[in-house]
Amino acid sequence: MANFWICDGETSINLDLAALRTTGLDFQEKNPVQTSAEPFSGFEYGFKVVRPKKTKTALHLSGAGNAVTLDNYKKGAVPHQGKFNLKAVGIPIGITASDFSLGYDPERAKGGFYIAANVTILGKTVLFDAYPVVLDFDPTGLTMHIAEFKLSLSEELGSVLELRVGRPVSGTVVGSGSSRLICSPLTD
């Protein structure tokens, strides 16, 4: 069994603006999205992976042949470049979500995958849970594809927005995503 870490690639996402608006969020009119990569076919926004500075904080995988499993002993994240400029009901200032990461935490619901970002007024916050995640690993090319997954509003962000819209919004499906990631053998 070999060990790998994710060091490059891209994640593309779609957001359902009508569903997003039901949660109390919307895009700002000026510069709503700053992407860093060409999105995959069928997706609106592409975000390039930023090579993690330390392999210890990267998402780790173990695999033999085409079978791959996440290293359940370590939480990890894959940083991405780009940002969204949002506005929320009842909050007079704009909200910027930047420095995205696709992360994994085995203790999270819905399979453990999530998308987090640095969010103005909230700090580092999980925005969306990503599920179901199906990992397709190519050990020869050292690539991993995560087929299309749903994005639902996280409990962390949903609990803040629920105060504004007056009803539960956590778990609302607001989009979808897909990732193509490049792996490197783990040597440390």
N, C-alpha and C. Protein backbone atom coordinates (compact mmCIF):
# COMPACT_ATOMS: atom_id res chain seq x y z
N MET A 1 0.86 -1.18 0.00
CA MET A 1 0.00 0.00 0.00
C MET A 1 0.90 1.23 0.00
N ALA A 2 0.67 2.14 -0.95
CA ALA A 2 1.45 3.37 -1.05
C ALA A 2 0.66 4.53 -0.45
N ASN A 3 1.36 5.55 0.00
CA ASN A 3 0.72 6.74 0.57
C ASN A 3 0.99 7.94 -0.32
N PHE A 4 -0.04 8.78 -0.48
CA PHE A 4 0.04 9.94 -1.37
C PHE A 4 -0.54 11.16 -0.67
N TRP A 5 -0.21 12.33 -1.20
CA TRP A 5 -0.86 13.56 -0.77
C TRP A 5 -1.22 14.35 -2.01
N ILE A 6 -2.27 15.17 -1.91
CA ILE A 6 -2.76 15.94 -3.05
C ILE A 6 -2.00 17.25 -3.10
N CYS A 7 -1.39 17.51 -4.27
CA CYS A 7 -0.51 18.68 -4.38
C CYS A 7 -0.87 19.63 -5.51
N ASP A 8 -1.82 19.28 -6.37
CA ASP A 8 -2.17 20.15 -7.49
C ASP A 8 -3.55 19.73 -8.01
N GLY A 9 -4.09 20.50 -8.96
CA GLY A 9 -5.36 20.14 -9.58
C GLY A 9 -6.34 21.30 -9.57
N GLU A 10 -7.62 20.94 -9.63
CA GLU A 10 -8.68 21.94 -9.75
C GLU A 10 -10.00 21.38 -9.24
N THR A 11 -10.81 22.27 -8.71
CA THR A 11 -12.20 21.95 -8.37
C THR A 11 -13.10 22.94 -9.11
N SER A 12 -14.14 22.43 -9.73
CA SER A 12 -15.12 23.27 -10.40
C SER A 12 -16.45 23.13 -9.69
N ILE A 13 -17.20 24.23 -9.62
CA ILE A 13 -18.50 24.18 -8.96
C ILE A 13 -19.55 24.94 -9.75
N ASN A 14 -20.78 24.58 -9.49
CA ASN A 14 -21.97 25.32 -9.92
C ASN A 14 -22.70 25.74 -8.66
N LEU A 15 -23.27 26.91 -8.68
CA LEU A 15 -24.15 27.33 -7.58
C LEU A 15 -25.53 27.61 -8.14
N ASP A 16 -26.55 27.11 -7.47
CA ASP A 16 -27.94 27.35 -7.82
C ASP A 16 -28.34 28.64 -7.11
N LEU A 17 -28.35 29.75 -7.85
CA LEU A 17 -28.58 31.06 -7.22
C LEU A 17 -29.96 31.16 -6.57
N ALA A 18 -30.96 30.53 -7.16
CA ALA A 18 -32.30 30.56 -6.55
C ALA A 18 -32.28 29.85 -5.20
N ALA A 19 -31.62 28.69 -5.14
CA ALA A 19 -31.52 27.97 -3.86
C ALA A 19 -30.67 28.74 -2.86
N LEU A 20 -29.59 29.35 -3.34
CA LEU A 20 -28.72 30.14 -2.46
C LEU A 20 -29.51 31.31 -1.85
N ARG A 21 -30.33 31.95 -2.65
CA ARG A 21 -31.12 33.09 -2.16
C ARG A 21 -32.12 32.67 -1.08
N THR A 22 -32.64 31.44 -1.14
CA THR A 22 -33.58 30.98 -0.10
C THR A 22 -32.89 30.85 1.25
N THR A 23 -31.55 30.79 1.26
CA THR A 23 -30.81 30.69 2.52
C THR A 23 -30.43 32.05 3.08
N GLY A 24 -30.73 33.12 2.32
CA GLY A 24 -30.38 34.46 2.76
C GLY A 24 -29.09 34.98 2.16
N LEU A 25 -28.48 34.24 1.23
CA LEU A 25 -27.25 34.67 0.56
C LEU A 25 -27.51 35.01 -0.89
N ASP A 26 -26.71 35.92 -1.42
CA ASP A 26 -26.77 36.27 -2.83
C ASP A 26 -25.40 36.81 -3.22
N PHE A 27 -25.12 36.86 -4.52
CA PHE A 27 -23.88 37.48 -5.00
C PHE A 27 -23.98 38.99 -4.93
N GLN A 28 -22.85 39.65 -4.66
CA GLN A 28 -22.80 41.10 -4.81
C GLN A 28 -22.83 41.41 -6.30
N GLU A 29 -23.32 42.60 -6.64
CA GLU A 29 -23.45 42.96 -8.05
C GLU A 29 -22.10 43.13 -8.73
N LYS A 30 -21.11 43.71 -8.04
CA LYS A 30 -19.79 43.96 -8.64
C LYS A 30 -18.82 42.84 -8.27
N ASN A 31 -18.13 42.31 -9.27
CA ASN A 31 -17.13 41.26 -9.07
C ASN A 31 -17.62 40.13 -8.17
N PRO A 32 -18.71 39.46 -8.53
CA PRO A 32 -19.25 38.44 -7.63
C PRO A 32 -18.33 37.24 -7.43
N VAL A 33 -17.58 36.84 -8.48
CA VAL A 33 -16.73 35.66 -8.37
C VAL A 33 -15.39 35.93 -9.04
N GLN A 34 -14.32 35.55 -8.37
CA GLN A 34 -12.98 35.62 -8.96
C GLN A 34 -12.45 34.19 -9.01
N THR A 35 -12.42 33.64 -10.22
CA THR A 35 -11.97 32.27 -10.38
C THR A 35 -10.48 32.25 -10.69
N SER A 36 -9.88 31.06 -10.62
CA SER A 36 -8.44 30.94 -10.87
C SER A 36 -8.13 29.85 -11.90
N ALA A 37 -9.16 29.24 -12.48
CA ALA A 37 -8.97 28.19 -13.48
C ALA A 37 -10.19 28.12 -14.38
N GLU A 38 -9.98 27.57 -15.55
CA GLU A 38 -11.09 27.34 -16.48
C GLU A 38 -11.96 26.22 -15.90
N PRO A 39 -13.27 26.43 -15.75
CA PRO A 39 -14.11 25.37 -15.17
C PRO A 39 -14.23 24.17 -16.11
N PHE A 40 -14.48 23.00 -15.53
CA PHE A 40 -14.74 21.80 -16.31
C PHE A 40 -16.02 22.01 -17.11
N SER A 41 -16.17 21.25 -18.16
CA SER A 41 -17.37 21.29 -18.98
C SER A 41 -18.60 21.04 -18.10
N GLY A 42 -19.61 21.90 -18.24
CA GLY A 42 -20.83 21.76 -17.46
C GLY A 42 -20.81 22.48 -16.12
N PHE A 43 -19.70 23.15 -15.81
CA PHE A 43 -19.59 23.88 -14.55
C PHE A 43 -19.33 25.36 -14.82
N GLU A 44 -19.71 26.21 -13.86
CA GLU A 44 -19.58 27.66 -14.04
C GLU A 44 -18.26 28.24 -13.54
N TYR A 45 -17.73 27.71 -12.44
CA TYR A 45 -16.58 28.34 -11.78
C TYR A 45 -15.48 27.32 -11.55
N GLY A 46 -14.22 27.71 -11.85
CA GLY A 46 -13.08 26.83 -11.63
C GLY A 46 -12.09 27.44 -10.66
N PHE A 47 -11.58 26.60 -9.76
CA PHE A 47 -10.63 27.06 -8.74
C PHE A 47 -9.42 26.14 -8.71
N LYS A 48 -8.24 26.72 -8.90
CA LYS A 48 -6.99 25.96 -8.95
C LYS A 48 -6.50 25.63 -7.55
N VAL A 49 -5.93 24.44 -7.41
CA VAL A 49 -5.32 24.03 -6.15
C VAL A 49 -4.03 24.83 -5.94
N VAL A 50 -3.84 25.29 -4.72
CA VAL A 50 -2.60 25.94 -4.32
C VAL A 50 -1.79 24.87 -3.60
N ARG A 51 -0.59 24.64 -4.06
CA ARG A 51 0.24 23.58 -3.46
C ARG A 51 0.43 23.85 -1.97
N PRO A 52 0.03 22.89 -1.12
CA PRO A 52 0.19 23.10 0.33
C PRO A 52 1.67 23.25 0.68
N LYS A 53 1.96 24.14 1.64
CA LYS A 53 3.34 24.37 2.06
C LYS A 53 3.89 23.19 2.87
N LYS A 54 3.00 22.49 3.57
CA LYS A 54 3.42 21.37 4.39
C LYS A 54 2.57 20.16 4.05
N THR A 55 3.21 19.02 3.86
CA THR A 55 2.44 17.81 3.56
C THR A 55 1.62 17.37 4.76
N LYS A 56 2.00 17.79 5.96
CA LYS A 56 1.26 17.37 7.16
C LYS A 56 -0.16 17.92 7.18
N THR A 57 -0.40 19.07 6.55
CA THR A 57 -1.75 19.64 6.53
C THR A 57 -2.52 19.27 5.27
N ALA A 58 -1.87 18.60 4.33
CA ALA A 58 -2.52 18.21 3.08
C ALA A 58 -3.42 17.01 3.30
N LEU A 59 -4.29 16.78 2.35
CA LEU A 59 -5.17 15.61 2.38
C LEU A 59 -4.36 14.39 1.98
N HIS A 60 -4.32 13.37 2.83
CA HIS A 60 -3.52 12.18 2.59
C HIS A 60 -4.40 11.03 2.12
N LEU A 61 -3.84 10.19 1.25
CA LEU A 61 -4.53 9.03 0.70
C LEU A 61 -3.64 7.81 0.84
N SER A 62 -4.25 6.66 0.90
CA SER A 62 -3.53 5.39 0.83
C SER A 62 -4.15 4.60 -0.29
N GLY A 63 -3.32 3.92 -1.10
CA GLY A 63 -3.91 3.20 -2.20
C GLY A 63 -3.04 2.09 -2.72
N ALA A 64 -3.68 1.12 -3.32
CA ALA A 64 -3.02 0.04 -4.04
C ALA A 64 -3.89 -0.27 -5.23
N GLY A 65 -3.31 -0.26 -6.42
CA GLY A 65 -4.13 -0.43 -7.62
C GLY A 65 -5.06 0.76 -7.76
N ASN A 66 -6.30 0.52 -8.17
CA ASN A 66 -7.27 1.61 -8.30
C ASN A 66 -8.02 1.89 -7.02
N ALA A 67 -7.79 1.07 -5.99
CA ALA A 67 -8.47 1.28 -4.71
C ALA A 67 -7.75 2.36 -3.93
N VAL A 68 -8.49 3.28 -3.41
CA VAL A 68 -7.89 4.35 -2.60
C VAL A 68 -8.79 4.60 -1.41
N THR A 69 -8.17 4.87 -0.30
CA THR A 69 -8.93 5.25 0.90
C THR A 69 -8.29 6.49 1.48
N LEU A 70 -9.08 7.24 2.19
CA LEU A 70 -8.54 8.40 2.89
C LEU A 70 -7.85 7.90 4.14
N ASP A 71 -6.77 8.55 4.48
CA ASP A 71 -6.08 8.21 5.72
C ASP A 71 -6.95 8.72 6.85
N ASN A 72 -7.74 7.83 7.45
CA ASN A 72 -8.71 8.23 8.47
C ASN A 72 -8.08 8.74 9.76
N TYR A 73 -6.78 8.61 9.88
CA TYR A 73 -6.13 9.08 11.10
C TYR A 73 -5.78 10.56 11.02
N LYS A 74 -5.90 11.13 9.83
CA LYS A 74 -5.52 12.53 9.67
C LYS A 74 -6.64 13.31 8.98
N LYS A 75 -6.94 14.45 9.53
CA LYS A 75 -7.80 15.39 8.83
C LYS A 75 -6.90 16.12 7.85
N GLY A 76 -7.47 16.67 6.81
CA GLY A 76 -6.63 17.39 5.86
C GLY A 76 -7.45 18.27 4.96
N ALA A 77 -6.76 19.11 4.21
CA ALA A 77 -7.44 20.03 3.30
C ALA A 77 -6.56 20.29 2.09
N VAL A 78 -7.22 20.61 0.98
CA VAL A 78 -6.55 20.96 -0.26
C VAL A 78 -6.89 22.43 -0.54
N PRO A 79 -5.94 23.35 -0.37
CA PRO A 79 -6.24 24.78 -0.58
C PRO A 79 -6.45 25.11 -2.06
N HIS A 80 -7.35 26.05 -2.32
CA HIS A 80 -7.66 26.52 -3.67
C HIS A 80 -7.58 28.05 -3.70
N GLN A 81 -7.40 28.59 -4.90
CA GLN A 81 -7.33 30.04 -5.09
C GLN A 81 -8.62 30.54 -5.72
N GLY A 82 -9.13 31.68 -5.23
CA GLY A 82 -10.33 32.29 -5.79
C GLY A 82 -11.20 32.82 -4.67
N LYS A 83 -12.26 33.55 -5.04
CA LYS A 83 -13.16 34.05 -4.00
C LYS A 83 -14.54 34.38 -4.55
N PHE A 84 -15.50 34.42 -3.62
CA PHE A 84 -16.86 34.85 -3.89
C PHE A 84 -17.12 36.11 -3.07
N ASN A 85 -17.82 37.06 -3.67
CA ASN A 85 -18.27 38.24 -2.94
C ASN A 85 -19.78 38.13 -2.80
N LEU A 86 -20.20 37.98 -1.56
CA LEU A 86 -21.61 37.71 -1.27
C LEU A 86 -22.23 38.82 -0.46
N LYS A 87 -23.54 38.79 -0.38
CA LYS A 87 -24.28 39.66 0.54
C LYS A 87 -25.29 38.78 1.25
N ALA A 88 -25.60 39.15 2.47
CA ALA A 88 -26.54 38.35 3.26
C ALA A 88 -27.66 39.23 3.77
N VAL A 89 -28.83 38.63 3.93
CA VAL A 89 -30.00 39.32 4.45
C VAL A 89 -29.66 39.93 5.81
N GLY A 90 -29.94 41.21 5.99
CA GLY A 90 -29.78 41.85 7.28
C GLY A 90 -28.36 42.21 7.67
N ILE A 91 -27.40 41.97 6.79
CA ILE A 91 -26.02 42.36 7.08
C ILE A 91 -25.64 43.44 6.08
N PRO A 92 -25.39 44.67 6.56
CA PRO A 92 -25.18 45.79 5.66
C PRO A 92 -23.86 45.78 4.90
N ILE A 93 -22.89 44.97 5.33
CA ILE A 93 -21.61 44.94 4.63
C ILE A 93 -21.52 43.70 3.74
N GLY A 94 -20.68 43.79 2.70
CA GLY A 94 -20.46 42.63 1.84
C GLY A 94 -19.67 41.56 2.57
N ILE A 95 -19.82 40.34 2.12
CA ILE A 95 -19.12 39.21 2.73
C ILE A 95 -18.24 38.59 1.65
N THR A 96 -16.94 38.48 1.93
CA THR A 96 -16.03 37.85 0.99
C THR A 96 -15.63 36.49 1.53
N ALA A 97 -15.76 35.48 0.68
CA ALA A 97 -15.31 34.12 1.01
C ALA A 97 -14.12 33.83 0.10
N SER A 98 -12.93 33.67 0.70
CA SER A 98 -11.72 33.47 -0.10
C SER A 98 -10.86 32.37 0.51
N ASP A 99 -9.79 32.02 -0.19
CA ASP A 99 -8.86 30.97 0.26
C ASP A 99 -9.63 29.69 0.57
N PHE A 100 -10.30 29.18 -0.45
CA PHE A 100 -11.09 27.96 -0.31
C PHE A 100 -10.21 26.76 0.01
N SER A 101 -10.83 25.78 0.60
CA SER A 101 -10.16 24.48 0.72
C SER A 101 -11.22 23.39 0.62
N LEU A 102 -10.83 22.31 -0.03
CA LEU A 102 -11.64 21.09 -0.06
C LEU A 102 -11.05 20.24 1.05
N GLY A 103 -11.85 19.97 2.06
CA GLY A 103 -11.32 19.28 3.22
C GLY A 103 -12.02 17.98 3.52
N TYR A 104 -11.40 17.23 4.41
CA TYR A 104 -11.96 15.97 4.87
C TYR A 104 -11.78 15.87 6.38
N ASP A 105 -12.85 15.52 7.05
CA ASP A 105 -12.83 15.28 8.48
C ASP A 105 -13.76 14.10 8.73
N PRO A 106 -13.22 12.96 9.15
CA PRO A 106 -14.06 11.77 9.31
C PRO A 106 -15.19 11.95 10.33
N GLU A 107 -15.11 12.98 11.16
CA GLU A 107 -16.14 13.20 12.18
C GLU A 107 -17.32 14.04 11.67
N ARG A 108 -17.20 14.59 10.46
CA ARG A 108 -18.30 15.38 9.89
C ARG A 108 -19.38 14.45 9.34
N ALA A 109 -20.58 14.97 9.30
CA ALA A 109 -21.70 14.22 8.71
C ALA A 109 -21.54 14.13 7.20
N LYS A 110 -22.36 13.34 6.57
CA LYS A 110 -22.45 13.22 5.10
C LYS A 110 -21.14 12.78 4.45
N GLY A 111 -20.36 11.98 5.13
CA GLY A 111 -19.16 11.42 4.51
C GLY A 111 -17.87 12.15 4.82
N GLY A 112 -17.94 13.31 5.44
CA GLY A 112 -16.73 13.98 5.90
C GLY A 112 -16.12 15.03 5.00
N PHE A 113 -16.53 15.13 3.72
CA PHE A 113 -15.95 16.15 2.84
C PHE A 113 -16.69 17.48 3.00
N TYR A 114 -15.96 18.58 2.83
CA TYR A 114 -16.54 19.91 2.97
C TYR A 114 -15.74 20.92 2.18
N ILE A 115 -16.32 22.09 1.96
CA ILE A 115 -15.60 23.23 1.39
C ILE A 115 -15.64 24.34 2.42
N ALA A 116 -14.46 24.82 2.79
CA ALA A 116 -14.32 25.89 3.78
C ALA A 116 -13.67 27.09 3.10
N ALA A 117 -13.75 28.24 3.75
CA ALA A 117 -13.12 29.46 3.24
C ALA A 117 -12.93 30.43 4.39
N ASN A 118 -12.04 31.39 4.16
CA ASN A 118 -11.95 32.52 5.09
C ASN A 118 -13.09 33.45 4.73
N VAL A 119 -13.95 33.73 5.70
CA VAL A 119 -15.14 34.53 5.45
C VAL A 119 -15.07 35.78 6.31
N THR A 120 -15.24 36.95 5.65
CA THR A 120 -15.26 38.20 6.41
C THR A 120 -16.30 38.08 7.51
N ILE A 121 -16.04 38.57 8.63
CA ILE A 121 -16.85 38.59 9.85
C ILE A 121 -16.95 37.23 10.56
N LEU A 122 -16.56 36.13 9.89
CA LEU A 122 -16.66 34.81 10.53
C LEU A 122 -15.32 34.10 10.70
N GLY A 123 -14.30 34.49 9.93
CA GLY A 123 -13.03 33.77 9.95
C GLY A 123 -13.13 32.50 9.10
N LYS A 124 -12.25 31.53 9.40
CA LYS A 124 -12.26 30.27 8.65
C LYS A 124 -13.54 29.51 9.00
N THR A 125 -14.37 29.27 8.01
CA THR A 125 -15.69 28.67 8.22
C THR A 125 -15.99 27.63 7.15
N VAL A 126 -16.62 26.56 7.55
CA VAL A 126 -17.10 25.58 6.57
C VAL A 126 -18.35 26.18 5.91
N LEU A 127 -18.31 26.30 4.59
CA LEU A 127 -19.45 26.84 3.84
C LEU A 127 -20.42 25.74 3.44
N PHE A 128 -19.87 24.66 2.87
CA PHE A 128 -20.70 23.61 2.30
C PHE A 128 -20.19 22.24 2.71
N ASP A 129 -21.12 21.31 2.88
CA ASP A 129 -20.77 19.90 2.96
C ASP A 129 -20.84 19.36 1.54
N ALA A 130 -19.89 18.50 1.18
CA ALA A 130 -19.82 17.93 -0.17
C ALA A 130 -20.10 16.43 -0.08
N TYR A 131 -21.10 15.97 -0.81
CA TYR A 131 -21.49 14.56 -0.74
C TYR A 131 -22.33 14.16 -1.96
N PRO A 132 -22.54 12.93 -2.31
CA PRO A 132 -21.66 11.83 -1.92
C PRO A 132 -20.36 11.96 -2.69
N VAL A 133 -19.27 11.59 -2.08
CA VAL A 133 -17.96 11.70 -2.73
C VAL A 133 -17.51 10.30 -3.14
N VAL A 134 -17.25 10.15 -4.44
CA VAL A 134 -16.73 8.90 -4.98
C VAL A 134 -15.33 9.20 -5.51
N LEU A 135 -14.34 8.52 -4.93
CA LEU A 135 -12.94 8.74 -5.31
C LEU A 135 -12.55 7.77 -6.41
N ASP A 136 -12.00 8.29 -7.51
CA ASP A 136 -11.50 7.46 -8.61
C ASP A 136 -10.02 7.77 -8.76
N PHE A 137 -9.18 6.84 -8.31
CA PHE A 137 -7.74 7.07 -8.24
C PHE A 137 -7.03 6.32 -9.36
N ASP A 138 -6.12 7.00 -10.07
CA ASP A 138 -5.27 6.38 -11.09
C ASP A 138 -3.85 6.37 -10.56
N PRO A 139 -3.38 5.21 -10.04
CA PRO A 139 -2.05 5.17 -9.43
C PRO A 139 -0.92 5.34 -10.44
N THR A 140 -1.19 5.05 -11.72
CA THR A 140 -0.15 5.20 -12.73
C THR A 140 0.07 6.68 -13.04
N GLY A 141 -1.01 7.41 -13.27
CA GLY A 141 -0.91 8.84 -13.57
C GLY A 141 -0.91 9.71 -12.34
N LEU A 142 -1.04 9.10 -11.16
CA LEU A 142 -1.10 9.84 -9.90
C LEU A 142 -2.15 10.94 -9.93
N THR A 143 -3.34 10.60 -10.42
CA THR A 143 -4.44 11.55 -10.45
C THR A 143 -5.63 10.96 -9.71
N MET A 144 -6.45 11.83 -9.17
CA MET A 144 -7.67 11.41 -8.52
C MET A 144 -8.80 12.29 -9.02
N HIS A 145 -9.89 11.67 -9.41
CA HIS A 145 -11.07 12.40 -9.85
C HIS A 145 -12.16 12.18 -8.82
N ILE A 146 -12.78 13.25 -8.40
CA ILE A 146 -13.94 13.15 -7.53
C ILE A 146 -15.13 13.51 -8.39
N ALA A 147 -15.94 12.50 -8.70
CA ALA A 147 -17.09 12.70 -9.57
C ALA A 147 -18.03 13.73 -8.95
N GLU A 148 -19.00 14.16 -9.73
CA GLU A 148 -19.90 15.24 -9.30
C GLU A 148 -20.51 14.95 -7.93
N PHE A 149 -20.42 15.94 -7.06
CA PHE A 149 -20.98 15.85 -5.71
C PHE A 149 -21.89 17.04 -5.47
N LYS A 150 -22.81 16.90 -4.51
CA LYS A 150 -23.72 17.98 -4.13
C LYS A 150 -23.04 18.87 -3.10
N LEU A 151 -23.44 20.13 -3.10
CA LEU A 151 -22.99 21.08 -2.08
C LEU A 151 -24.21 21.52 -1.28
N SER A 152 -24.18 21.25 0.02
CA SER A 152 -25.28 21.70 0.88
C SER A 152 -24.73 22.68 1.90
N LEU A 153 -25.56 23.64 2.27
CA LEU A 153 -25.14 24.66 3.23
C LEU A 153 -24.77 24.00 4.55
N SER A 154 -23.60 24.33 5.06
CA SER A 154 -23.11 23.71 6.29
C SER A 154 -23.88 24.18 7.51
N GLU A 155 -23.78 23.42 8.58
CA GLU A 155 -24.38 23.83 9.85
C GLU A 155 -23.75 25.12 10.36
N GLU A 156 -22.43 25.25 10.18
CA GLU A 156 -21.73 26.44 10.66
C GLU A 156 -22.27 27.72 10.03
N LEU A 157 -22.36 27.75 8.71
CA LEU A 157 -22.88 28.94 8.02
C LEU A 157 -24.39 29.03 8.16
N GLY A 158 -25.06 27.89 8.07
CA GLY A 158 -26.52 27.87 8.19
C GLY A 158 -27.02 28.44 9.50
N SER A 159 -26.31 28.14 10.60
CA SER A 159 -26.76 28.65 11.90
C SER A 159 -26.70 30.17 11.98
N VAL A 160 -25.75 30.78 11.29
CA VAL A 160 -25.66 32.25 11.24
C VAL A 160 -26.80 32.81 10.40
N LEU A 161 -27.04 32.21 9.24
CA LEU A 161 -28.07 32.70 8.33
C LEU A 161 -29.48 32.47 8.86
N GLU A 162 -29.67 31.40 9.61
CA GLU A 162 -30.99 31.10 10.18
C GLU A 162 -31.47 32.23 11.08
N LEU A 163 -30.56 32.91 11.75
CA LEU A 163 -30.92 34.05 12.59
C LEU A 163 -31.50 35.18 11.74
N ARG A 164 -31.03 35.29 10.49
CA ARG A 164 -31.46 36.37 9.59
C ARG A 164 -32.76 36.04 8.85
N VAL A 165 -32.90 34.79 8.40
CA VAL A 165 -34.08 34.43 7.60
C VAL A 165 -35.22 33.85 8.42
N GLY A 166 -34.95 33.52 9.69
CA GLY A 166 -36.00 33.09 10.59
C GLY A 166 -36.49 31.65 10.42
N ARG A 167 -35.70 30.81 9.75
CA ARG A 167 -36.07 29.41 9.59
C ARG A 167 -34.80 28.61 9.32
N PRO A 168 -34.85 27.29 9.51
CA PRO A 168 -33.66 26.46 9.26
C PRO A 168 -33.25 26.47 7.79
N VAL A 169 -31.97 26.65 7.53
CA VAL A 169 -31.45 26.60 6.16
C VAL A 169 -30.25 25.65 6.03
N SER A 170 -29.71 25.17 7.14
CA SER A 170 -28.60 24.22 7.08
C SER A 170 -29.04 22.99 6.30
N GLY A 171 -28.16 22.49 5.45
CA GLY A 171 -28.48 21.29 4.67
C GLY A 171 -29.13 21.58 3.34
N THR A 172 -29.50 22.84 3.07
CA THR A 172 -30.10 23.19 1.78
C THR A 172 -29.08 22.95 0.66
N VAL A 173 -29.46 22.19 -0.35
CA VAL A 173 -28.56 21.93 -1.49
C VAL A 173 -28.53 23.20 -2.34
N VAL A 174 -27.33 23.75 -2.51
CA VAL A 174 -27.17 25.02 -3.24
C VAL A 174 -26.27 24.90 -4.46
N GLY A 175 -25.81 23.70 -4.76
CA GLY A 175 -24.94 23.56 -5.93
C GLY A 175 -24.33 22.19 -6.04
N SER A 176 -23.32 22.12 -6.92
CA SER A 176 -22.61 20.86 -7.14
C SER A 176 -21.16 21.16 -7.48
N GLY A 177 -20.33 20.14 -7.44
CA GLY A 177 -18.92 20.32 -7.74
C GLY A 177 -18.29 19.04 -8.24
N SER A 178 -17.05 19.17 -8.69
CA SER A 178 -16.24 18.04 -9.14
C SER A 178 -14.79 18.44 -9.01
N SER A 179 -13.91 17.48 -8.70
CA SER A 179 -12.48 17.77 -8.55
C SER A 179 -11.64 16.81 -9.36
N ARG A 180 -10.57 17.34 -9.94
CA ARG A 180 -9.52 16.53 -10.57
C ARG A 180 -8.23 16.95 -9.89
N LEU A 181 -7.63 16.01 -9.20
CA LEU A 181 -6.51 16.33 -8.33
C LEU A 181 -5.28 15.52 -8.71
N ILE A 182 -4.11 16.11 -8.52
CA ILE A 182 -2.85 15.45 -8.82
C ILE A 182 -2.19 15.08 -7.49
N CYS A 183 -1.74 13.84 -7.42
CA CYS A 183 -1.16 13.32 -6.18
C CYS A 183 0.34 13.15 -6.32
N SER A 184 1.00 13.14 -5.19
CA SER A 184 2.43 12.92 -5.13
C SER A 184 2.71 11.89 -4.04
N PRO A 185 3.71 11.01 -4.25
CA PRO A 185 4.02 10.05 -3.18
C PRO A 185 4.42 10.79 -1.91
N LEU A 186 3.99 10.26 -0.79
CA LEU A 186 4.30 10.85 0.51
C LEU A 186 5.60 10.23 0.99
N THR A 187 6.57 11.09 1.24
CA THR A 187 7.89 10.58 1.63
C THR A 187 8.25 10.85 3.08
N ASP A 188 7.45 11.67 3.78
CA ASP A 188 7.82 11.95 5.18
C ASP A 188 6.97 11.18 6.14
